[in-house]
């Protein structure tokens, strides 16, 4: 316990954390006074050492294995947010490998893991996105948006935040250009998820969309949605690597994809998309990002959640896009939005604990909670943001000022009301 004790004595400066080790001995950290203390119990002799050597992996695995328990009324999210909020300068570093040699080893392992050849990229996508459909239905919004919501008002529902995000994206893609053309805009949606953005763009602009992704069940679900809406002749989906796409497109959207591309493949991504876009087209990219310099993906996330994944620094994206011939017209750092989305995903996951453990098991459920809470702290207390970047080949492809973005976004937001989450407990109570 001495190593974990040393680390926490240095880190905890406000509030109070009380840890009871496997042998019953109690350790207290912090001066108290800021709300009720958080009580943590370690039930295995190896737990403290496992956590101290690499907190992000060790704490996650200890929680999954039942070695670490957080006593009510608090939970694992409370513990993670409490520890990482102690010093925002520490942020994610408080959870990373302790010691320069361990950090170097993990950085090297993460770099090797980011090499995503086609076969590996498909395997990684299936690991992440081919989980039971019902799982995603239980915690995502009605449109199954698995990326940041645009929380313009923190009182808005998750469904409203996700609808507003799609409006913001469409406006940044300058989709209103469709009204000036004598043919439908051709859109490529790279990493199309469950099809929500592709269907939204067609609904509001009548464009023809090709959505591509590598998870078979995602694509099957997308096709089912398009067919049910009677638009499968205009909104098409393919189980395909973006590197195999051919043709020309007026618009390219990439939402939540670059995190899976891997830094060694950024040149290929930038070159291929540049080849696919028409001269006066627009490409839009939305991805998780680092507000600081390049880093590496932690071992826990690589092992359990996003194998091959990496969250890029802006410098990495800009450097490679310039080499490919892109001109960047707009960059927006969406700072805290994702923390609010992740908070709601966490709450919805907890709400469906019984069903999730029946589908999988208690270990999986705990893994998912730790993933969501850990991701939330990275956007709330750490240095992660979401980058929204607009790329063009020709600067004349967009209007002179940026007014068009906010005007179009407001117009779209006024057109429709967000759906109601069909699993909302309030609906069940009203029905009863």
Protein backbone atom coordinates (compact mmCIF):
# COMPACT_ATOMS: atom_id res chain seq x y z
CA UNK A 1 0.00 0.00 0.00
CA UNK A 2 3.00 2.28 0.49
CA UNK A 3 3.30 3.21 -3.21
CA UNK A 4 -0.39 4.08 -3.61
CA UNK A 5 -0.27 5.87 -0.25
CA UNK A 6 2.66 7.99 -1.43
CA UNK A 7 0.91 8.92 -4.67
CA UNK A 8 -2.39 9.87 -3.04
CA UNK A 9 -0.73 11.87 -0.26
CA UNK A 10 0.88 14.00 -2.94
CA UNK A 11 -2.22 14.30 -5.12
CA UNK A 12 -5.24 14.83 -2.82
CA UNK A 13 -5.42 18.46 -1.71
CA UNK A 14 -9.13 19.07 -1.12
CA UNK A 15 -12.10 17.02 0.01
CA UNK A 16 -11.44 13.60 1.47
CA UNK A 17 -10.77 10.11 0.16
CA UNK A 18 -10.80 7.22 2.63
CA UNK A 19 -9.35 3.87 1.58
CA UNK A 20 -9.77 0.67 3.54
CA UNK A 21 -7.18 -1.88 2.46
CA UNK A 22 -7.81 -5.64 2.24
CA UNK A 23 -6.42 -6.09 5.79
CA UNK A 24 -8.85 -3.58 7.30
CA UNK A 25 -6.32 -0.79 7.75
CA UNK A 26 -7.73 2.64 6.86
CA UNK A 27 -5.94 5.50 5.09
CA UNK A 28 -7.28 9.03 4.85
CA UNK A 29 -6.32 11.65 2.23
CA UNK A 30 -7.26 15.30 2.02
CA UNK A 31 -8.42 17.86 4.59
CA UNK A 32 -12.15 17.14 4.18
CA UNK A 33 -14.78 19.84 4.32
CA UNK A 34 -15.94 19.63 0.69
CA UNK A 35 -18.91 17.30 0.83
CA UNK A 36 -19.04 13.75 2.14
CA UNK A 37 -15.84 11.69 2.02
CA UNK A 38 -15.51 9.09 -0.72
CA UNK A 39 -14.99 5.64 0.78
CA UNK A 40 -13.10 3.03 -1.24
CA UNK A 41 -12.48 -0.57 -0.21
CA UNK A 42 -9.68 -2.74 -1.63
CA UNK A 43 -10.48 -6.43 -1.26
CA UNK A 44 -7.34 -8.04 -2.69
CA UNK A 45 -3.78 -7.95 -1.40
CA UNK A 46 -2.49 -7.11 -4.89
CA UNK A 47 -4.94 -4.26 -5.53
CA UNK A 48 -2.97 -1.26 -4.22
CA UNK A 49 0.20 -2.19 -6.07
CA UNK A 50 -1.68 -2.92 -9.27
CA UNK A 51 -3.35 0.50 -9.10
CA UNK A 52 -0.24 2.47 -8.15
CA UNK A 53 1.97 1.19 -10.96
CA UNK A 54 -0.38 2.39 -13.71
CA UNK A 55 -3.57 3.93 -12.23
CA UNK A 56 -5.53 4.09 -15.50
CA UNK A 57 -5.06 0.37 -16.12
CA UNK A 58 -4.79 -0.78 -12.53
CA UNK A 59 -7.82 1.06 -11.17
CA UNK A 60 -9.92 -0.02 -14.15
CA UNK A 61 -8.97 -3.66 -13.82
CA UNK A 62 -9.27 -3.64 -10.04
CA UNK A 63 -12.80 -2.28 -10.41
CA UNK A 64 -13.67 -4.82 -13.12
CA UNK A 65 -12.27 -7.74 -11.10
CA UNK A 66 -14.02 -6.77 -7.89
CA UNK A 67 -10.80 -5.76 -6.12
CA UNK A 68 -11.97 -2.13 -5.76
CA UNK A 69 -15.36 -1.06 -4.43
CA UNK A 70 -16.71 2.46 -3.96
CA UNK A 71 -19.21 2.62 -1.13
CA UNK A 72 -22.61 4.33 -1.62
CA UNK A 73 -23.76 7.01 -1.96
CA UNK A 74 -20.73 7.45 -4.27
CA UNK A 75 -19.71 5.36 -7.25
CA UNK A 76 -16.73 4.82 -9.55
CA UNK A 77 -17.53 7.98 -11.53
CA UNK A 78 -17.45 10.07 -8.34
CA UNK A 79 -14.08 8.59 -7.42
CA UNK A 80 -12.53 9.19 -10.84
CA UNK A 81 -13.79 12.76 -11.11
CA UNK A 82 -12.70 13.49 -7.54
CA UNK A 83 -9.14 12.27 -8.05
CA UNK A 84 -8.59 13.92 -11.43
CA UNK A 85 -10.16 17.22 -10.34
CA UNK A 86 -7.57 17.58 -7.57
CA UNK A 87 -5.17 19.19 -9.98
CA UNK A 88 -6.21 19.89 -13.54
CA UNK A 89 -2.53 20.29 -14.30
CA UNK A 90 -2.20 16.56 -13.58
CA UNK A 91 -5.32 15.67 -15.57
CA UNK A 92 -4.79 12.38 -17.36
CA UNK A 93 -1.20 12.22 -16.12
CA UNK A 94 -2.47 11.33 -12.66
CA UNK A 95 -3.78 8.09 -14.19
CA UNK A 96 -0.88 7.30 -16.52
CA UNK A 97 2.14 5.03 -15.88
CA UNK A 98 4.20 6.19 -12.92
CA UNK A 99 7.85 6.63 -13.86
CA UNK A 100 9.66 7.60 -17.08
CA UNK A 101 10.60 4.06 -18.10
CA UNK A 102 7.01 2.82 -17.80
CA UNK A 103 5.76 5.82 -19.80
CA UNK A 104 8.34 5.20 -22.52
CA UNK A 105 7.35 1.55 -22.75
CA UNK A 106 3.66 2.37 -23.00
CA UNK A 107 4.30 5.07 -25.59
CA UNK A 108 6.21 2.58 -27.75
CA UNK A 109 3.46 -0.03 -27.39
CA UNK A 110 0.80 2.53 -28.29
CA UNK A 111 2.74 3.62 -31.37
CA UNK A 112 2.99 0.03 -32.62
CA UNK A 113 -0.72 -0.50 -31.94
CA UNK A 114 -1.63 2.52 -34.09
CA UNK A 115 -0.51 0.79 -37.29
CA UNK A 116 -3.90 -0.07 -38.80
CA UNK A 117 -3.56 -1.99 -42.03
CA UNK A 118 -6.87 -2.86 -43.69
CA UNK A 119 -7.32 -6.27 -42.06
CA UNK A 120 -6.43 -4.95 -38.63
CA UNK A 121 -8.61 -1.86 -39.06
CA UNK A 122 -11.64 -4.05 -39.75
CA UNK A 123 -10.86 -6.29 -36.78
CA UNK A 124 -10.55 -3.24 -34.51
CA UNK A 125 -13.83 -1.79 -35.77
CA UNK A 126 -15.63 -5.05 -35.14
CA UNK A 127 -14.20 -5.19 -31.60
CA UNK A 128 -15.63 -1.77 -30.85
CA UNK A 129 -18.84 -1.51 -32.85
CA UNK A 130 -20.08 -5.07 -33.33
CA UNK A 131 -21.28 -5.41 -29.75
CA UNK A 132 -24.93 -6.26 -29.21
CA UNK A 133 -27.22 -3.70 -30.87
CA UNK A 134 -29.25 -3.56 -27.72
CA UNK A 135 -26.26 -2.32 -25.70
CA UNK A 136 -25.97 0.85 -27.77
CA UNK A 137 -29.72 1.34 -27.72
CA UNK A 138 -29.62 1.34 -23.93
CA UNK A 139 -27.30 4.32 -23.52
CA UNK A 140 -27.12 6.27 -26.81
CA UNK A 141 -29.72 8.78 -28.01
CA UNK A 142 -32.58 7.81 -30.30
CA UNK A 143 -30.44 8.40 -33.41
CA UNK A 144 -27.52 6.36 -32.03
CA UNK A 145 -24.97 9.13 -32.29
CA UNK A 146 -21.79 7.73 -30.75
CA UNK A 147 -19.95 11.06 -30.70
CA UNK A 148 -20.16 14.33 -28.78
CA UNK A 149 -23.49 16.12 -28.55
CA UNK A 150 -23.61 19.90 -29.05
CA UNK A 151 -24.82 21.07 -25.64
CA UNK A 152 -25.93 24.63 -26.34
CA UNK A 153 -28.07 24.52 -23.20
CA UNK A 154 -27.18 22.13 -20.38
CA UNK A 155 -30.87 21.67 -19.65
CA UNK A 156 -31.45 20.16 -23.09
CA UNK A 157 -31.92 16.43 -23.52
CA UNK A 158 -29.23 14.27 -25.09
CA UNK A 159 -31.53 13.89 -28.10
CA UNK A 160 -31.66 17.68 -28.50
CA UNK A 161 -27.88 18.02 -28.15
CA UNK A 162 -27.30 15.38 -30.84
CA UNK A 163 -29.81 16.96 -33.20
CA UNK A 164 -28.13 20.34 -32.71
CA UNK A 165 -24.78 18.74 -33.46
CA UNK A 166 -26.00 17.49 -36.82
CA UNK A 167 -27.29 20.97 -37.65
CA UNK A 168 -23.92 22.47 -36.73
CA UNK A 169 -22.08 19.94 -38.88
CA UNK A 170 -24.35 20.39 -41.90
CA UNK A 171 -23.85 24.15 -41.72
CA UNK A 172 -20.08 23.80 -41.55
CA UNK A 173 -20.19 21.53 -44.58
CA UNK A 174 -21.93 24.40 -46.41
CA UNK A 175 -24.69 22.02 -47.44
CA UNK A 176 -26.94 24.95 -48.42
CA UNK A 177 -24.93 25.03 -51.64
CA UNK A 178 -27.34 22.28 -52.72
CA UNK A 179 -30.01 24.93 -53.33
CA UNK A 180 -27.87 26.51 -56.05
CA UNK A 181 -27.13 23.30 -57.96
CA UNK A 182 -29.05 21.62 -60.75
CA UNK A 183 -28.21 18.16 -59.39
CA UNK A 184 -28.05 16.58 -55.93
CA UNK A 185 -24.90 17.08 -53.91
CA UNK A 186 -22.85 13.89 -53.65
CA UNK A 187 -21.72 13.23 -50.10
CA UNK A 188 -19.28 10.67 -48.72
CA UNK A 189 -19.71 9.91 -45.02
CA UNK A 190 -16.54 8.16 -43.86
CA UNK A 191 -17.08 6.13 -40.71
CA UNK A 192 -20.85 6.53 -40.95
CA UNK A 193 -21.71 4.91 -37.61
CA UNK A 194 -25.38 3.93 -37.44
CA UNK A 195 -26.32 6.21 -40.32
CA UNK A 196 -27.84 9.17 -38.50
CA UNK A 197 -25.84 11.96 -40.13
CA UNK A 198 -26.20 10.51 -43.65
CA UNK A 199 -29.97 10.27 -43.28
CA UNK A 200 -30.14 13.77 -41.78
CA UNK A 201 -28.23 15.32 -44.68
CA UNK A 202 -30.47 13.65 -47.24
CA UNK A 203 -33.61 14.65 -45.35
CA UNK A 204 -32.73 18.34 -45.35
CA UNK A 205 -30.83 18.73 -48.62
CA UNK A 206 -31.94 15.89 -50.90
CA UNK A 207 -28.33 14.87 -51.41
CA UNK A 208 -27.05 11.47 -52.45
CA UNK A 209 -24.96 9.90 -49.69
CA UNK A 210 -22.56 6.99 -49.54
CA UNK A 211 -21.75 5.95 -45.98
CA UNK A 212 -18.85 3.56 -45.39
CA UNK A 213 -17.72 1.78 -42.23
CA UNK A 214 -15.98 -1.45 -41.21
CA UNK A 215 -18.36 -2.96 -38.65
CA UNK A 216 -20.79 -5.38 -40.36
CA UNK A 217 -23.66 -4.90 -37.93
CA UNK A 218 -23.41 -1.11 -38.16
CA UNK A 219 -23.75 -1.24 -41.94
CA UNK A 220 -26.59 -3.76 -41.73
CA UNK A 221 -28.42 -1.45 -39.32
CA UNK A 222 -27.81 1.58 -41.59
CA UNK A 223 -29.27 -0.25 -44.57
CA UNK A 224 -32.31 -1.27 -42.56
CA UNK A 225 -32.90 2.35 -41.54
CA UNK A 226 -32.57 3.67 -45.09
CA UNK A 227 -34.91 1.01 -46.45
CA UNK A 228 -37.50 1.65 -43.73
CA UNK A 229 -37.49 5.35 -44.67
CA UNK A 230 -37.75 4.55 -48.38
CA UNK A 231 -34.49 6.36 -49.22
CA UNK A 232 -32.16 3.43 -49.80
CA UNK A 233 -31.83 4.43 -53.47
CA UNK A 234 -30.36 7.79 -52.41
CA UNK A 235 -28.65 7.00 -49.10
CA UNK A 236 -26.45 3.97 -49.53
CA UNK A 237 -24.15 2.23 -47.12
CA UNK A 238 -21.23 -0.10 -47.78
CA UNK A 239 -19.00 -2.31 -45.65
CA UNK A 240 -15.86 -0.77 -47.02
CA UNK A 241 -12.53 0.73 -46.01
CA UNK A 242 -12.37 4.40 -47.01
CA UNK A 243 -9.14 3.55 -48.82
CA UNK A 244 -11.17 1.50 -51.33
CA UNK A 245 -13.74 4.19 -52.18
CA UNK A 246 -13.74 5.44 -55.77
CA UNK A 247 -15.44 8.36 -57.50
CA UNK A 248 -15.87 12.07 -56.84
CA UNK A 249 -17.82 13.76 -54.09
CA UNK A 250 -18.96 17.33 -53.44
CA UNK A 251 -18.79 16.92 -49.69
CA UNK A 252 -16.95 14.56 -47.36
CA UNK A 253 -17.84 14.15 -43.71
CA UNK A 254 -15.74 12.31 -41.17
CA UNK A 255 -17.22 12.20 -37.67
CA UNK A 256 -15.44 10.12 -35.04
CA UNK A 257 -13.24 8.34 -37.57
CA UNK A 258 -9.78 9.88 -37.23
CA UNK A 259 -9.45 8.43 -33.74
CA UNK A 260 -9.34 5.01 -35.41
CA UNK A 261 -7.10 5.82 -38.38
CA UNK A 262 -3.78 5.80 -36.50
CA UNK A 263 -1.05 8.42 -36.93
CA UNK A 264 1.01 6.34 -39.40
CA UNK A 265 -2.01 6.47 -41.74
CA UNK A 266 -2.81 10.19 -41.56
CA UNK A 267 -0.88 10.89 -44.79
CA UNK A 268 -2.89 8.19 -46.55
CA UNK A 269 -6.20 9.50 -45.18
CA UNK A 270 -5.47 13.09 -46.19
CA UNK A 271 -4.24 12.10 -49.64
CA UNK A 272 -7.16 9.75 -50.36
CA UNK A 273 -9.88 12.18 -49.26
CA UNK A 274 -8.19 14.98 -51.22
CA UNK A 275 -8.36 12.74 -54.29
CA UNK A 276 -12.07 11.99 -53.73
CA UNK A 277 -13.25 15.60 -53.30
CA UNK A 278 -14.16 17.81 -56.27
CA UNK A 279 -12.17 21.03 -56.73
CA UNK A 280 -14.80 23.30 -55.17
CA UNK A 281 -15.90 20.84 -52.50
CA UNK A 282 -15.74 20.90 -48.71
CA UNK A 283 -14.51 18.26 -46.28
CA UNK A 284 -15.53 18.37 -42.63
CA UNK A 285 -13.87 16.41 -39.84
CA UNK A 286 -15.03 16.01 -36.25
CA UNK A 287 -12.83 14.04 -33.88
CA UNK A 288 -11.68 13.83 -30.30
CA UNK A 289 -8.44 15.72 -29.87
CA UNK A 290 -5.70 16.84 -27.55
CA UNK A 291 -5.55 20.49 -26.60
CA UNK A 292 -1.80 20.12 -26.08
CA UNK A 293 1.03 18.28 -27.83
CA UNK A 294 0.90 14.73 -29.23
CA UNK A 295 0.62 11.93 -26.70
CA UNK A 296 -0.26 8.23 -26.63
CA UNK A 297 -3.30 6.07 -25.97
CA UNK A 298 -3.39 4.46 -22.55
CA UNK A 299 -3.07 0.70 -22.33
CA UNK A 300 -6.49 0.19 -20.73
CA UNK A 301 -8.34 1.89 -23.60
CA UNK A 302 -6.28 0.07 -26.23
CA UNK A 303 -6.90 -3.29 -24.56
CA UNK A 304 -10.57 -3.05 -23.67
CA UNK A 305 -12.31 -0.34 -25.69
CA UNK A 306 -10.59 1.06 -28.81
CA UNK A 307 -7.73 -1.16 -29.99
CA UNK A 308 -5.62 0.74 -32.50
CA UNK A 309 -7.19 4.04 -31.46
CA UNK A 310 -5.40 7.34 -30.92
CA UNK A 311 -6.65 10.85 -30.14
CA UNK A 312 -4.66 13.38 -32.20
CA UNK A 313 -3.20 16.75 -31.38
CA UNK A 314 -4.16 19.58 -33.72
CA UNK A 315 -0.55 19.88 -34.87
CA UNK A 316 -0.61 16.31 -36.19
CA UNK A 317 -3.75 16.92 -38.23
CA UNK A 318 -2.64 20.27 -39.62
CA UNK A 319 0.83 19.08 -40.62
CA UNK A 320 -0.42 16.09 -42.59
CA UNK A 321 -3.31 17.96 -44.21
CA UNK A 322 -0.96 20.65 -45.51
CA UNK A 323 1.29 18.02 -47.10
CA UNK A 324 -1.71 16.57 -48.96
CA UNK A 325 -2.70 19.94 -50.40
CA UNK A 326 -5.59 20.80 -48.08
CA UNK A 327 -6.35 24.35 -46.98
CA UNK A 328 -7.89 24.67 -43.51
CA UNK A 329 -10.61 27.31 -43.39
CA UNK A 330 -12.01 26.81 -39.90
CA UNK A 331 -11.05 25.11 -36.63
CA UNK A 332 -13.28 24.98 -33.58
CA UNK A 333 -12.29 23.42 -30.27
CA UNK A 334 -15.43 21.98 -28.73
CA UNK A 335 -14.15 21.96 -25.18
CA UNK A 336 -16.51 20.58 -22.55
CA UNK A 337 -19.39 19.32 -24.69
CA UNK A 338 -18.29 15.69 -24.68
CA UNK A 339 -18.09 15.58 -20.88
CA UNK A 340 -21.83 16.31 -20.71
CA UNK A 341 -22.59 13.67 -23.35
CA UNK A 342 -20.51 11.08 -21.50
CA UNK A 343 -22.19 11.95 -18.22
CA UNK A 344 -25.59 11.19 -19.75
CA UNK A 345 -24.31 7.96 -21.33
CA UNK A 346 -23.03 6.90 -17.91
CA UNK A 347 -26.39 7.62 -16.26
CA UNK A 348 -28.25 5.66 -18.92
CA UNK A 349 -25.84 2.75 -18.54
CA UNK A 350 -26.37 2.66 -14.76
CA UNK A 351 -30.12 2.80 -15.40
CA UNK A 352 -29.86 -0.47 -17.36
CA UNK A 353 -27.38 -2.33 -15.19
CA UNK A 354 -29.56 -5.42 -14.86
CA UNK A 355 -30.12 -5.87 -18.58
CA UNK A 356 -26.48 -5.22 -19.48
CA UNK A 357 -25.19 -7.74 -16.96
CA UNK A 358 -27.68 -10.28 -18.32
CA UNK A 359 -26.45 -9.66 -21.89
CA UNK A 360 -22.80 -9.85 -20.88
CA UNK A 361 -21.74 -10.06 -17.23
CA UNK A 362 -20.84 -7.91 -14.23
CA UNK A 363 -17.23 -7.57 -15.38
CA UNK A 364 -18.29 -6.12 -18.74
CA UNK A 365 -20.73 -3.75 -17.05
CA UNK A 366 -18.01 -2.42 -14.76
CA UNK A 367 -15.61 -2.11 -17.66
CA UNK A 368 -18.16 0.02 -19.52
CA UNK A 369 -18.75 2.25 -16.49
CA UNK A 370 -15.03 2.81 -16.03
CA UNK A 371 -14.62 3.61 -19.73
CA UNK A 372 -17.40 6.21 -19.71
CA UNK A 373 -16.32 7.82 -16.44
CA UNK A 374 -12.66 7.84 -17.46
CA UNK A 375 -13.51 9.42 -20.80
CA UNK A 376 -15.67 12.03 -19.09
CA UNK A 377 -12.87 13.10 -16.77
CA UNK A 378 -10.53 13.52 -19.75
CA UNK A 379 -12.87 16.12 -21.26
CA UNK A 380 -13.93 17.67 -17.93
CA UNK A 381 -10.68 17.68 -15.93
CA UNK A 382 -8.06 16.67 -18.48
CA UNK A 383 -6.94 18.23 -21.75
CA UNK A 384 -9.13 16.50 -24.32
CA UNK A 385 -11.44 18.45 -26.63
CA UNK A 386 -13.25 17.79 -29.89
CA UNK A 387 -11.74 19.27 -33.04
CA UNK A 388 -14.09 20.38 -35.80
CA UNK A 389 -12.07 21.22 -38.89
CA UNK A 390 -13.21 22.45 -42.29
CA UNK A 391 -10.98 21.64 -45.26
CA UNK A 392 -11.12 22.90 -48.86
CA UNK A 393 -9.02 22.73 -52.00
CA UNK A 394 -10.14 26.16 -53.18
CA UNK A 395 -10.80 29.03 -50.77
CA UNK A 396 -13.67 30.19 -53.00
CA UNK A 397 -15.62 27.05 -52.05
CA UNK A 398 -17.22 28.79 -49.06
CA UNK A 399 -18.73 32.27 -48.47
CA UNK A 400 -16.62 35.28 -47.54
CA UNK A 401 -17.67 35.36 -43.87
CA UNK A 402 -18.60 32.67 -41.37
CA UNK A 403 -22.14 33.98 -40.90
CA UNK A 404 -23.47 31.19 -43.10
CA UNK A 405 -22.59 28.61 -40.45
CA UNK A 406 -24.63 30.12 -37.64
CA UNK A 407 -27.49 31.23 -39.90
CA UNK A 408 -27.90 27.77 -41.39
CA UNK A 409 -27.46 26.03 -38.07
CA UNK A 410 -30.22 28.19 -36.55
CA UNK A 411 -32.50 27.53 -39.54
CA UNK A 412 -32.05 23.78 -39.19
CA UNK A 413 -32.63 23.83 -35.45
CA UNK A 414 -35.96 25.56 -35.99
CA UNK A 415 -37.20 22.94 -38.45
CA UNK A 416 -37.76 20.00 -36.13
CA UNK A 417 -38.17 18.95 -32.55
CA UNK A 418 -35.85 16.31 -31.13
CA UNK A 419 -37.22 12.82 -30.63
CA UNK A 420 -38.00 11.56 -27.16
CA UNK A 421 -35.82 8.73 -25.83
CA UNK A 422 -38.15 5.76 -25.85
CA UNK A 423 -36.43 4.25 -22.80
CA UNK A 424 -36.92 7.33 -20.63
CA UNK A 425 -38.27 6.15 -17.24
CA UNK A 426 -40.64 9.14 -17.23
CA UNK A 427 -42.45 7.67 -20.24
CA UNK A 428 -42.83 4.34 -18.49
CA UNK A 429 -44.18 6.03 -15.38
CA UNK A 430 -46.65 8.06 -17.45
CA UNK A 431 -47.85 4.91 -19.23
CA UNK A 432 -48.42 3.15 -15.95
